Amino acid sequence: MSSTVKAKSERLSEAVTLVLKAGGKRLRPALVLISGRVGCYDFKRLLPAALTVELIHMASLIHDDILDGATIRRGYPTINLRWDRETAIAVGDHVFGVAFVSLSLLDDPRIIDLMAEASTSLSSGEWLELSLAFRDDQTIDDYMLRIGKKTAALFSACCAAGGMLSDAKAEEVQALKRFGENLGIAFQIRDDLLDFWGDEKALGKPVGSDLREGIATLPFLYALEEHGGNGLLTHVITSRDNSQAEINEAISIISATGARQRSEELAGAYLVQALDALADISLSEVQEELRAVARFVVERYF
């Protein structure tokens, strides 16, 4: 990744290095490489696709930080804080561009189409999130549509790409896609739970970040539904200048409802659907490795 994203501009290279230094779970490339074991495993053939999905993800996070005005990502200052908005836009565009240069090395139109479609879906999900932010009419249907586009589509593409590049059977590729899609939804619900009840040091960002950005996630929506509307919760989701005390009080209100348990149960239901898809995978070793990934998704604390 480091050698791939190098740029001629000293500032661009320094900014990209900052993003790489912040690290990450590298879950998406892992899904490509594990799924690639279903057929004829060829690491050199899989590597450009694994690299591409992580770069697409990285670029999307940079653009997210720009849109949200975020200052911290994985415990490091964001590019827009360390430098400025213009530099962050340039870095995000550079990483997206490099991702598709890497993808072109595959010389496989199927994978290029798959990644282009996933990237388009991701952008659509980002726009949906932006267009709904700070509104009091956000719904659970809006939420599920958004995370399907923004998170699950790329997870699904990762698993499908691995299977396709290893020449797996068509039914196994479809099973991998189903696994990835359902895993992605479970992953995002877990992410949104951590935003309220995670450890700030482990997360590398303050809890309640979604509320500050006017984003209604599943626990918030369940809590609002349970209350039949709540003055403070509505105020917090629509306000652009919440105090930390207001954020903390909103989290306390949400914590006093059944929102956390209901969200965990829904994440668990999607995880079951992901695991059910593995029945159509022929190699038991791959099944077990993907089950291990699924366990990480629901047990992770960052």
C-alpha atoms as a PDB file:
ATOM      1  CA  MET A   1       0.000   0.000   0.000  1.00  0.00           C
ATOM      2  CA  SER A   2       2.772   2.392   0.925  1.00  0.00           C
ATOM      3  CA  SER A   3       4.590   2.068  -2.392  1.00  0.00           C
ATOM      4  CA  THR A   4       1.357   2.166  -4.384  1.00  0.00           C
ATOM      5  CA  VAL A   5       0.049   5.451  -2.980  1.00  0.00           C
ATOM      6  CA  LYS A   6       3.293   7.421  -3.255  1.00  0.00           C
ATOM      7  CA  ALA A   7       2.807  10.749  -5.000  1.00  0.00           C
ATOM      8  CA  LYS A   8       5.170  13.220  -6.671  1.00  0.00           C
ATOM      9  CA  SER A   9       3.927  16.006  -4.421  1.00  0.00           C
ATOM     10  CA  GLU A  10       5.693  16.051  -1.052  1.00  0.00           C
ATOM     11  CA  ARG A  11       2.569  17.250   0.776  1.00  0.00           C
ATOM     12  CA  LEU A  12       0.387  14.633  -0.906  1.00  0.00           C
ATOM     13  CA  SER A  13       2.815  11.861   0.026  1.00  0.00           C
ATOM     14  CA  GLU A  14       3.079  13.108   3.609  1.00  0.00           C
ATOM     15  CA  ALA A  15      -0.720  13.272   3.945  1.00  0.00           C
ATOM     16  CA  VAL A  16      -1.246   9.769   2.518  1.00  0.00           C
ATOM     17  CA  THR A  17       1.445   8.425   4.847  1.00  0.00           C
ATOM     18  CA  LEU A  18      -0.473   9.903   7.791  1.00  0.00           C
ATOM     19  CA  VAL A  19      -3.572   7.933   6.757  1.00  0.00           C
ATOM     20  CA  LEU A  20      -1.564   4.710   6.384  1.00  0.00           C
ATOM     21  CA  LYS A  21       0.099   5.270   9.758  1.00  0.00           C
ATOM     22  CA  ALA A  22      -3.334   5.418  11.392  1.00  0.00           C
ATOM     23  CA  GLY A  23      -3.753   1.770  10.390  1.00  0.00           C
ATOM     24  CA  GLY A  24      -7.080  -0.026  10.285  1.00  0.00           C
ATOM     25  CA  LYS A  25      -8.527  -3.521  10.506  1.00  0.00           C
ATOM     26  CA  ARG A  26      -7.692  -4.399   6.860  1.00  0.00           C
ATOM     27  CA  LEU A  27     -10.827  -6.534   6.952  1.00  0.00           C
ATOM     28  CA  ARG A  28     -11.845  -5.943   3.337  1.00  0.00           C
ATOM     29  CA  PRO A  29      -8.602  -7.198   1.749  1.00  0.00           C
ATOM     30  CA  ALA A  30      -8.712 -10.153   4.147  1.00  0.00           C
ATOM     31  CA  LEU A  31     -12.134 -11.055   2.742  1.00  0.00           C
ATOM     32  CA  VAL A  32     -10.732 -10.978  -0.811  1.00  0.00           C
ATOM     33  CA  LEU A  33      -7.819 -13.238   0.097  1.00  0.00           C
ATOM     34  CA  ILE A  34      -9.852 -15.723   2.169  1.00  0.00           C
ATOM     35  CA  SER A  35     -12.604 -15.933  -0.451  1.00  0.00           C
ATOM     36  CA  GLY A  36      -9.904 -16.526  -3.055  1.00  0.00           C
ATOM     37  CA  ARG A  37      -9.169 -19.874  -1.442  1.00  0.00           C
ATOM     38  CA  VAL A  38     -12.508 -21.289  -2.587  1.00  0.00           C
ATOM     39  CA  GLY A  39     -11.175 -22.026  -6.070  1.00  0.00           C
ATOM     40  CA  CYS A  40      -7.596 -22.072  -7.386  1.00  0.00           C
ATOM     41  CA  TYR A  41      -5.749 -19.813  -4.948  1.00  0.00           C
ATOM     42  CA  ASP A  42      -3.225 -17.472  -6.592  1.00  0.00           C
ATOM     43  CA  PHE A  43      -1.954 -14.781  -4.251  1.00  0.00           C
ATOM     44  CA  LYS A  44      -0.354 -12.691  -7.003  1.00  0.00           C
ATOM     45  CA  ARG A  45      -3.622 -12.625  -8.911  1.00  0.00           C
ATOM     46  CA  LEU A  46      -5.642 -11.713  -5.824  1.00  0.00           C
ATOM     47  CA  LEU A  47      -3.285  -9.050  -4.477  1.00  0.00           C
ATOM     48  CA  PRO A  48      -4.310  -6.152  -6.802  1.00  0.00           C
ATOM     49  CA  ALA A  49      -7.981  -6.701  -5.894  1.00  0.00           C
ATOM     50  CA  ALA A  50      -7.175  -6.872  -2.166  1.00  0.00           C
ATOM     51  CA  LEU A  51      -5.176  -3.661  -2.472  1.00  0.00           C
ATOM     52  CA  THR A  52      -7.935  -1.968  -4.476  1.00  0.00           C
ATOM     53  CA  VAL A  53     -10.696  -2.593  -1.933  1.00  0.00           C
ATOM     54  CA  GLU A  54      -8.626  -1.218   0.942  1.00  0.00           C
ATOM     55  CA  LEU A  55      -7.725   1.887  -1.076  1.00  0.00           C
ATOM     56  CA  ILE A  56     -11.379   2.452  -2.032  1.00  0.00           C
ATOM     57  CA  HIS A  57     -12.268   2.162   1.649  1.00  0.00           C
ATOM     58  CA  MET A  58      -9.449   4.523   2.640  1.00  0.00           C
ATOM     59  CA  ALA A  59     -10.512   7.126   0.084  1.00  0.00           C
ATOM     60  CA  SER A  60     -14.123   6.916   1.262  1.00  0.00           C
ATOM     61  CA  LEU A  61     -13.029   7.568   4.867  1.00  0.00           C
ATOM     62  CA  ILE A  62     -11.058  10.640   3.797  1.00  0.00           C
ATOM     63  CA  HIS A  63     -14.091  11.979   1.940  1.00  0.00           C
ATOM     64  CA  ASP A  64     -16.309  11.117   4.935  1.00  0.00           C
ATOM     65  CA  ASP A  65     -14.066  13.183   7.187  1.00  0.00           C
ATOM     66  CA  ILE A  66     -14.310  16.125   4.797  1.00  0.00           C
ATOM     67  CA  LEU A  67     -18.108  15.964   4.670  1.00  0.00           C
ATOM     68  CA  ASP A  68     -18.427  15.523   8.433  1.00  0.00           C
ATOM     69  CA  GLY A  69     -15.783  18.058   9.382  1.00  0.00           C
ATOM     70  CA  ALA A  70     -14.172  15.315  11.500  1.00  0.00           C
ATOM     71  CA  THR A  71     -10.942  16.100  13.324  1.00  0.00           C
ATOM     72  CA  ILE A  72      -9.895  12.652  14.591  1.00  0.00           C
ATOM     73  CA  ARG A  73      -9.694   9.322  12.768  1.00  0.00           C
ATOM     74  CA  ARG A  74      -8.212   6.227  14.419  1.00  0.00           C
ATOM     75  CA  GLY A  75      -6.554   8.403  17.029  1.00  0.00           C
ATOM     76  CA  TYR A  76      -4.780  10.644  14.504  1.00  0.00           C
ATOM     77  CA  PRO A  77      -5.718  14.121  13.254  1.00  0.00           C
ATOM     78  CA  THR A  78      -7.617  14.007   9.975  1.00  0.00           C
ATOM     79  CA  ILE A  79      -6.046  15.487   6.855  1.00  0.00           C
ATOM     80  CA  ASN A  80      -8.506  18.367   6.836  1.00  0.00           C
ATOM     81  CA  LEU A  81      -7.396  19.262  10.383  1.00  0.00           C
ATOM     82  CA  ARG A  82      -3.664  18.637   9.893  1.00  0.00           C
ATOM     83  CA  TRP A  83      -3.631  20.553   6.606  1.00  0.00           C
ATOM     84  CA  ASP A  84      -6.872  21.807   5.060  1.00  0.00           C
ATOM     85  CA  ARG A  85     -10.025  20.759   3.192  1.00  0.00           C
ATOM     86  CA  GLU A  86      -8.422  21.228  -0.234  1.00  0.00           C
ATOM     87  CA  THR A  87      -5.518  18.916   0.645  1.00  0.00           C
ATOM     88  CA  ALA A  88      -7.938  16.298   1.981  1.00  0.00           C
ATOM     89  CA  ILE A  89      -9.969  16.400  -1.251  1.00  0.00           C
ATOM     90  CA  ALA A  90      -6.788  16.013  -3.317  1.00  0.00           C
ATOM     91  CA  VAL A  91      -5.602  13.069  -1.197  1.00  0.00           C
ATOM     92  CA  GLY A  92      -8.970  11.320  -1.386  1.00  0.00           C
ATOM     93  CA  ASP A  93      -9.080  11.734  -5.162  1.00  0.00           C
ATOM     94  CA  HIS A  94      -5.480  10.517  -5.443  1.00  0.00           C
ATOM     95  CA  VAL A  95      -6.215   7.364  -3.441  1.00  0.00           C
ATOM     96  CA  PHE A  96      -9.356   6.625  -5.492  1.00  0.00           C
ATOM     97  CA  GLY A  97      -7.337   7.053  -8.684  1.00  0.00           C
ATOM     98  CA  VAL A  98      -4.541   4.789  -7.473  1.00  0.00           C
ATOM     99  CA  ALA A  99      -7.115   2.170  -6.485  1.00  0.00           C
ATOM    100  CA  PHE A 100      -8.338   1.833 -10.046  1.00  0.00           C
ATOM    101  CA  VAL A 101      -4.815   1.861 -11.463  1.00  0.00           C
ATOM    102  CA  SER A 102      -4.203  -1.151  -9.225  1.00  0.00           C
ATOM    103  CA  LEU A 103      -7.448  -2.729 -10.403  1.00  0.00           C
ATOM    104  CA  SER A 104      -6.463  -2.292 -14.053  1.00  0.00           C
ATOM    105  CA  LEU A 105      -3.493  -4.605 -13.452  1.00  0.00           C
ATOM    106  CA  LEU A 106      -5.960  -7.485 -13.207  1.00  0.00           C
ATOM    107  CA  ASP A 107      -7.060  -7.013 -16.798  1.00  0.00           C
ATOM    108  CA  ASP A 108     -10.374  -8.620 -15.818  1.00  0.00           C
ATOM    109  CA  PRO A 109     -13.493  -6.674 -16.886  1.00  0.00           C
ATOM    110  CA  ARG A 110     -15.674  -8.650 -14.459  1.00  0.00           C
ATOM    111  CA  ILE A 111     -13.751  -7.392 -11.412  1.00  0.00           C
ATOM    112  CA  ILE A 112     -13.496  -3.859 -12.780  1.00  0.00           C
ATOM    113  CA  ASP A 113     -17.287  -3.809 -13.231  1.00  0.00           C
ATOM    114  CA  LEU A 114     -17.787  -5.286  -9.757  1.00  0.00           C
ATOM    115  CA  MET A 115     -15.587  -2.669  -8.055  1.00  0.00           C
ATOM    116  CA  ALA A 116     -16.993   0.199 -10.108  1.00  0.00           C
ATOM    117  CA  GLU A 117     -20.517  -0.813  -9.087  1.00  0.00           C
ATOM    118  CA  ALA A 118     -19.496  -1.105  -5.420  1.00  0.00           C
ATOM    119  CA  SER A 119     -17.807   2.314  -5.543  1.00  0.00           C
ATOM    120  CA  THR A 120     -20.883   3.872  -7.111  1.00  0.00           C
ATOM    121  CA  SER A 121     -23.058   2.302  -4.424  1.00  0.00           C
ATOM    122  CA  LEU A 122     -20.718   3.579  -1.713  1.00  0.00           C
ATOM    123  CA  SER A 123     -20.909   7.117  -3.119  1.00  0.00           C
ATOM    124  CA  SER A 124     -24.685   6.859  -3.285  1.00  0.00           C
ATOM    125  CA  GLY A 125     -24.766   5.795   0.366  1.00  0.00           C
ATOM    126  CA  GLU A 126     -22.541   8.721   1.350  1.00  0.00           C
ATOM    127  CA  TRP A 127     -24.843  11.122  -0.468  1.00  0.00           C
ATOM    128  CA  LEU A 128     -27.919   9.618   1.198  1.00  0.00           C
ATOM    129  CA  GLU A 129     -26.271  10.056   4.589  1.00  0.00           C
ATOM    130  CA  LEU A 130     -25.356  13.658   3.789  1.00  0.00           C
ATOM    131  CA  SER A 131     -28.804  14.529   2.463  1.00  0.00           C
ATOM    132  CA  LEU A 132     -30.555  13.131   5.563  1.00  0.00           C
ATOM    133  CA  ALA A 133     -28.165  14.509   8.174  1.00  0.00           C
ATOM    134  CA  PHE A 134     -29.624  16.808  10.849  1.00  0.00           C
ATOM    135  CA  ARG A 135     -33.191  15.944   9.829  1.00  0.00           C
ATOM    136  CA  ASP A 136     -35.825  14.720  12.269  1.00  0.00           C
ATOM    137  CA  ASP A 137     -37.565  12.501   9.708  1.00  0.00           C
ATOM    138  CA  GLN A 138     -34.792   9.893   9.325  1.00  0.00           C
ATOM    139  CA  THR A 139     -36.239   6.371   9.441  1.00  0.00           C
ATOM    140  CA  ILE A 140     -35.064   2.813  10.000  1.00  0.00           C
ATOM    141  CA  ASP A 141     -35.733   2.109   6.304  1.00  0.00           C
ATOM    142  CA  ASP A 142     -33.456   5.041   5.407  1.00  0.00           C
ATOM    143  CA  TYR A 143     -30.805   3.633   7.716  1.00  0.00           C
ATOM    144  CA  MET A 144     -30.937   0.106   6.282  1.00  0.00           C
ATOM    145  CA  LEU A 145     -30.806   1.425   2.718  1.00  0.00           C
ATOM    146  CA  ARG A 146     -27.826   3.621   3.567  1.00  0.00           C
ATOM    147  CA  ILE A 147     -25.725   0.946   5.246  1.00  0.00           C
ATOM    148  CA  GLY A 148     -26.577  -1.497   2.456  1.00  0.00           C
ATOM    149  CA  LYS A 149     -25.101   0.940  -0.040  1.00  0.00           C
ATOM    150  CA  LYS A 150     -22.286   2.387   2.028  1.00  0.00           C
ATOM    151  CA  THR A 151     -20.940  -0.718   3.775  1.00  0.00           C
ATOM    152  CA  ALA A 152     -22.529  -3.988   2.664  1.00  0.00           C
ATOM    153  CA  ALA A 153     -22.006  -3.443  -1.075  1.00  0.00           C
ATOM    154  CA  LEU A 154     -18.214  -3.286  -0.737  1.00  0.00           C
ATOM    155  CA  PHE A 155     -18.109  -6.266   1.654  1.00  0.00           C
ATOM    156  CA  SER A 156     -20.111  -8.263  -0.886  1.00  0.00           C
ATOM    157  CA  ALA A 157     -17.810  -7.174  -3.721  1.00  0.00           C
ATOM    158  CA  CYS A 158     -14.733  -8.205  -1.716  1.00  0.00           C
ATOM    159  CA  CYS A 159     -16.011 -11.746  -1.249  1.00  0.00           C
ATOM    160  CA  ALA A 160     -17.272 -12.060  -4.819  1.00  0.00           C
ATOM    161  CA  ALA A 161     -13.985 -10.784  -6.253  1.00  0.00           C
ATOM    162  CA  GLY A 162     -12.005 -13.402  -4.363  1.00  0.00           C
ATOM    163  CA  GLY A 163     -14.234 -16.173  -5.631  1.00  0.00           C
ATOM    164  CA  MET A 164     -14.274 -14.928  -9.218  1.00  0.00           C
ATOM    165  CA  LEU A 165     -10.495 -14.479  -9.376  1.00  0.00           C
ATOM    166  CA  SER A 166      -9.970 -18.031  -8.127  1.00  0.00           C
ATOM    167  CA  ASP A 167     -12.423 -19.361 -10.733  1.00  0.00           C
ATOM    168  CA  ALA A 168     -14.792 -20.684  -8.088  1.00  0.00           C
ATOM    169  CA  LYS A 169     -18.094 -22.198  -9.175  1.00  0.00           C
ATOM    170  CA  ALA A 170     -20.899 -19.735  -9.883  1.00  0.00           C
ATOM    171  CA  GLU A 171     -22.999 -20.970  -6.956  1.00  0.00           C
ATOM    172  CA  GLU A 172     -20.051 -20.501  -4.599  1.00  0.00           C
ATOM    173  CA  VAL A 173     -19.459 -16.952  -5.850  1.00  0.00           C
ATOM    174  CA  GLN A 174     -23.126 -16.199  -5.163  1.00  0.00           C
ATOM    175  CA  ALA A 175     -22.778 -17.693  -1.673  1.00  0.00           C
ATOM    176  CA  LEU A 176     -19.728 -15.512  -1.028  1.00  0.00           C
ATOM    177  CA  LYS A 177     -21.664 -12.429  -2.166  1.00  0.00           C
ATOM    178  CA  ARG A 178     -24.523 -13.257   0.226  1.00  0.00           C
ATOM    179  CA  PHE A 179     -22.070 -13.831   3.046  1.00  0.00           C
ATOM    180  CA  GLY A 180     -20.353 -10.499   2.395  1.00  0.00           C
ATOM    181  CA  GLU A 181     -23.564  -8.507   2.102  1.00  0.00           C
ATOM    182  CA  ASN A 182     -25.054  -9.807   5.353  1.00  0.00           C
ATOM    183  CA  LEU A 183     -21.712  -9.557   7.145  1.00  0.00           C
ATOM    184  CA  GLY A 184     -21.421  -5.939   6.015  1.00  0.00           C
ATOM    185  CA  ILE A 185     -24.790  -5.027   7.521  1.00  0.00           C
ATOM    186  CA  ALA A 186     -23.912  -6.764  10.807  1.00  0.00           C
ATOM    187  CA  PHE A 187     -20.539  -4.986  10.782  1.00  0.00           C
ATOM    188  CA  GLN A 188     -22.120  -1.544  10.372  1.00  0.00           C
ATOM    189  CA  ILE A 189     -24.720  -2.095  13.090  1.00  0.00           C
ATOM    190  CA  ARG A 190     -21.883  -3.149  15.405  1.00  0.00           C
ATOM    191  CA  ASP A 191     -19.969  -0.022  14.372  1.00  0.00           C
ATOM    192  CA  ASP A 192     -22.947   2.126  15.276  1.00  0.00           C
ATOM    193  CA  LEU A 193     -23.286   0.406  18.649  1.00  0.00           C
ATOM    194  CA  LEU A 194     -19.624   1.150  19.385  1.00  0.00           C
ATOM    195  CA  ASP A 195     -20.220   4.813  18.579  1.00  0.00           C
ATOM    196  CA  PHE A 196     -22.432   4.982  21.691  1.00  0.00           C
ATOM    197  CA  TRP A 197     -20.931   2.336  23.967  1.00  0.00           C
ATOM    198  CA  GLY A 198     -17.354   1.848  22.767  1.00  0.00           C
ATOM    199  CA  ASP A 199     -14.091   2.910  24.366  1.00  0.00           C
ATOM    200  CA  GLU A 200     -12.851   6.235  22.975  1.00  0.00           C
ATOM    201  CA  LYS A 201      -9.195   5.211  23.175  1.00  0.00           C
ATOM    202  CA  ALA A 202      -9.813   1.946  21.330  1.00  0.00           C
ATOM    203  CA  LEU A 203     -12.074   3.616  18.755  1.00  0.00           C
ATOM    204  CA  GLY A 204      -9.642   6.451  18.112  1.00  0.00           C
ATOM    205  CA  LYS A 205     -12.507   8.982  18.094  1.00  0.00           C
ATOM    206  CA  PRO A 206     -15.017  10.405  20.590  1.00  0.00           C
ATOM    207  CA  VAL A 207     -18.188   8.454  21.357  1.00  0.00           C
ATOM    208  CA  GLY A 208     -21.342  10.079  20.062  1.00  0.00           C
ATOM    209  CA  SER A 209     -19.674  11.184  16.827  1.00  0.00           C
ATOM    210  CA  ASP A 210     -22.716  10.217  14.748  1.00  0.00           C
ATOM    211  CA  LEU A 211     -24.975  12.420  16.875  1.00  0.00           C
ATOM    212  CA  ARG A 212     -22.613  15.364  16.413  1.00  0.00           C
ATOM    213  CA  GLU A 213     -22.859  14.839  12.658  1.00  0.00           C
ATOM    214  CA  GLY A 214     -26.669  14.597  12.682  1.00  0.00           C
ATOM    215  CA  ILE A 215     -26.638  10.934  11.641  1.00  0.00           C
ATOM    216  CA  ALA A 216     -29.468   8.828  13.044  1.00  0.00           C
ATOM    217  CA  THR A 217     -28.167   5.286  13.504  1.00  0.00           C
ATOM    218  CA  LEU A 218     -30.128   2.198  14.525  1.00  0.00           C
ATOM    219  CA  PRO A 219     -29.795   2.534  18.335  1.00  0.00           C
ATOM    220  CA  PHE A 220     -30.913   6.166  18.134  1.00  0.00           C
ATOM    221  CA  LEU A 221     -33.879   5.305  15.915  1.00  0.00           C
ATOM    222  CA  TYR A 222     -34.961   2.426  18.165  1.00  0.00           C
ATOM    223  CA  ALA A 223     -34.734   4.694  21.217  1.00  0.00           C
ATOM    224  CA  LEU A 224     -36.753   7.403  19.489  1.00  0.00           C
ATOM    225  CA  GLU A 225     -39.354   4.818  18.467  1.00  0.00           C
ATOM    226  CA  GLU A 226     -39.583   3.511  22.028  1.00  0.00           C
ATOM    227  CA  HIS A 227     -40.084   7.008  23.409  1.00  0.00           C
ATOM    228  CA  GLY A 228     -42.658   7.893  20.764  1.00  0.00           C
ATOM    229  CA  GLY A 229     -40.541  10.968  20.114  1.00  0.00           C
ATOM    230  CA  ASN A 230     -38.247  12.670  22.608  1.00  0.00           C
ATOM    231  CA  GLY A 231     -37.554  16.382  22.835  1.00  0.00           C
ATOM    232  CA  LEU A 232     -33.864  16.106  23.672  1.00  0.00           C
ATOM    233  CA  LEU A 233     -33.167  13.330  21.136  1.00  0.00           C
ATOM    234  CA  THR A 234     -34.893  15.328  18.399  1.00  0.00           C
ATOM    235  CA  HIS A 235     -32.999  18.445  19.415  1.00  0.00           C
ATOM    236  CA  VAL A 236     -29.641  16.654  19.406  1.00  0.00           C
ATOM    237  CA  ILE A 237     -30.103  15.065  15.968  1.00  0.00           C
ATOM    238  CA  THR A 238     -31.166  18.355  14.364  1.00  0.00           C
ATOM    239  CA  SER A 239     -28.708  20.680  16.101  1.00  0.00           C
ATOM    240  CA  ARG A 240     -25.308  21.511  14.596  1.00  0.00           C
ATOM    241  CA  ASP A 241     -23.813  22.830  17.832  1.00  0.00           C
ATOM    242  CA  ASN A 242     -24.554  20.309  20.563  1.00  0.00           C
ATOM    243  CA  SER A 243     -22.616  20.598  23.791  1.00  0.00           C
ATOM    244  CA  GLN A 244     -20.829  17.541  25.174  1.00  0.00           C
ATOM    245  CA  ALA A 245     -23.319  17.538  28.038  1.00  0.00           C
ATOM    246  CA  GLU A 246     -26.225  17.263  25.578  1.00  0.00           C
ATOM    247  CA  ILE A 247     -24.501  14.415  23.715  1.00  0.00           C
ATOM    248  CA  ASN A 248     -23.887  12.587  26.989  1.00  0.00           C
ATOM    249  CA  GLU A 249     -27.485  13.074  28.125  1.00  0.00           C
ATOM    250  CA  ALA A 250     -28.788  11.768  24.792  1.00  0.00           C
ATOM    251  CA  ILE A 251     -26.596   8.662  25.132  1.00  0.00           C
ATOM    252  CA  SER A 252     -27.947   8.158  28.664  1.00  0.00           C
ATOM    253  CA  ILE A 253     -31.513   8.321  27.354  1.00  0.00           C
ATOM    254  CA  ILE A 254     -30.716   5.825  24.594  1.00  0.00           C
ATOM    255  CA  SER A 255     -28.960   3.542  27.108  1.00  0.00           C
ATOM    256  CA  ALA A 256     -32.073   3.465  29.295  1.00  0.00           C
ATOM    257  CA  THR A 257     -34.150   1.976  26.468  1.00  0.00           C
ATOM    258  CA  GLY A 258     -34.038  -1.409  24.792  1.00  0.00           C
ATOM    259  CA  ALA A 259     -32.265   0.105  21.785  1.00  0.00           C
ATOM    260  CA  ARG A 260     -28.917  -1.541  22.445  1.00  0.00           C
ATOM    261  CA  GLN A 261     -30.355  -5.030  22.834  1.00  0.00           C
ATOM    262  CA  ARG A 262     -32.617  -4.647  19.797  1.00  0.00           C
ATOM    263  CA  SER A 263     -29.687  -3.450  17.676  1.00  0.00           C
ATOM    264  CA  GLU A 264     -27.511  -6.348  18.835  1.00  0.00           C
ATOM    265  CA  GLU A 265     -30.321  -8.774  18.018  1.00  0.00           C
ATOM    266  CA  LEU A 266     -30.695  -7.401  14.494  1.00  0.00           C
ATOM    267  CA  ALA A 267     -26.938  -7.556  13.932  1.00  0.00           C
ATOM    268  CA  GLY A 268     -27.067 -11.149  15.157  1.00  0.00           C
ATOM    269  CA  ALA A 269     -29.873 -11.978  12.729  1.00  0.00           C
ATOM    270  CA  TYR A 270     -27.846 -10.704   9.774  1.00  0.00           C
ATOM    271  CA  LEU A 271     -24.827 -12.598  11.024  1.00  0.00           C
ATOM    272  CA  VAL A 272     -26.871 -15.806  11.047  1.00  0.00           C
ATOM    273  CA  GLN A 273     -27.846 -15.157   7.429  1.00  0.00           C
ATOM    274  CA  ALA A 274     -24.172 -14.621   6.577  1.00  0.00           C
ATOM    275  CA  LEU A 275     -23.182 -17.894   8.233  1.00  0.00           C
ATOM    276  CA  ASP A 276     -26.048 -19.756   6.547  1.00  0.00           C
ATOM    277  CA  ALA A 277     -24.601 -18.752   3.159  1.00  0.00           C
ATOM    278  CA  LEU A 278     -21.397 -20.641   4.000  1.00  0.00           C
ATOM    279  CA  ALA A 279     -23.245 -23.950   3.633  1.00  0.00           C
ATOM    280  CA  ASP A 280     -22.756 -23.581  -0.135  1.00  0.00           C
ATOM    281  CA  ILE A 281     -18.970 -23.229   0.185  1.00  0.00           C
ATOM    282  CA  SER A 282     -17.207 -26.508  -0.550  1.00  0.00           C
ATOM    283  CA  LEU A 283     -13.985 -26.063   1.469  1.00  0.00           C
ATOM    284  CA  SER A 284     -14.468 -26.471   5.214  1.00  0.00           C
ATOM    285  CA  GLU A 285     -11.233 -24.533   5.908  1.00  0.00           C
ATOM    286  CA  VAL A 286     -12.623 -21.484   4.112  1.00  0.00           C
ATOM    287  CA  GLN A 287     -15.920 -21.842   5.956  1.00  0.00           C
ATOM    288  CA  GLU A 288     -14.054 -21.815   9.270  1.00  0.00           C
ATOM    289  CA  GLU A 289     -11.900 -18.800   8.334  1.00  0.00           C
ATOM    290  CA  LEU A 290     -14.968 -16.811   7.297  1.00  0.00           C
ATOM    291  CA  ARG A 291     -16.721 -17.844  10.519  1.00  0.00           C
ATOM    292  CA  ALA A 292     -13.702 -16.473  12.400  1.00  0.00           C
ATOM    293  CA  VAL A 293     -14.092 -13.163  10.543  1.00  0.00           C
ATOM    294  CA  ALA A 294     -17.781 -13.143  11.451  1.00  0.00           C
ATOM    295  CA  ARG A 295     -16.942 -13.705  15.127  1.00  0.00           C
ATOM    296  CA  PHE A 296     -14.534 -10.788  15.021  1.00  0.00           C
ATOM    297  CA  VAL A 297     -17.208  -8.552  13.521  1.00  0.00           C
ATOM    298  CA  VAL A 298     -19.624  -9.058  16.412  1.00  0.00           C
ATOM    299  CA  GLU A 299     -17.047  -9.259  19.209  1.00  0.00           C
ATOM    300  CA  ARG A 300     -14.755  -6.400  18.193  1.00  0.00           C
ATOM    301  CA  TYR A 301     -14.317  -3.367  20.429  1.00  0.00           C
ATOM    302  CA  PHE A 302     -12.832  -1.014  17.796  1.00  0.00           C
END
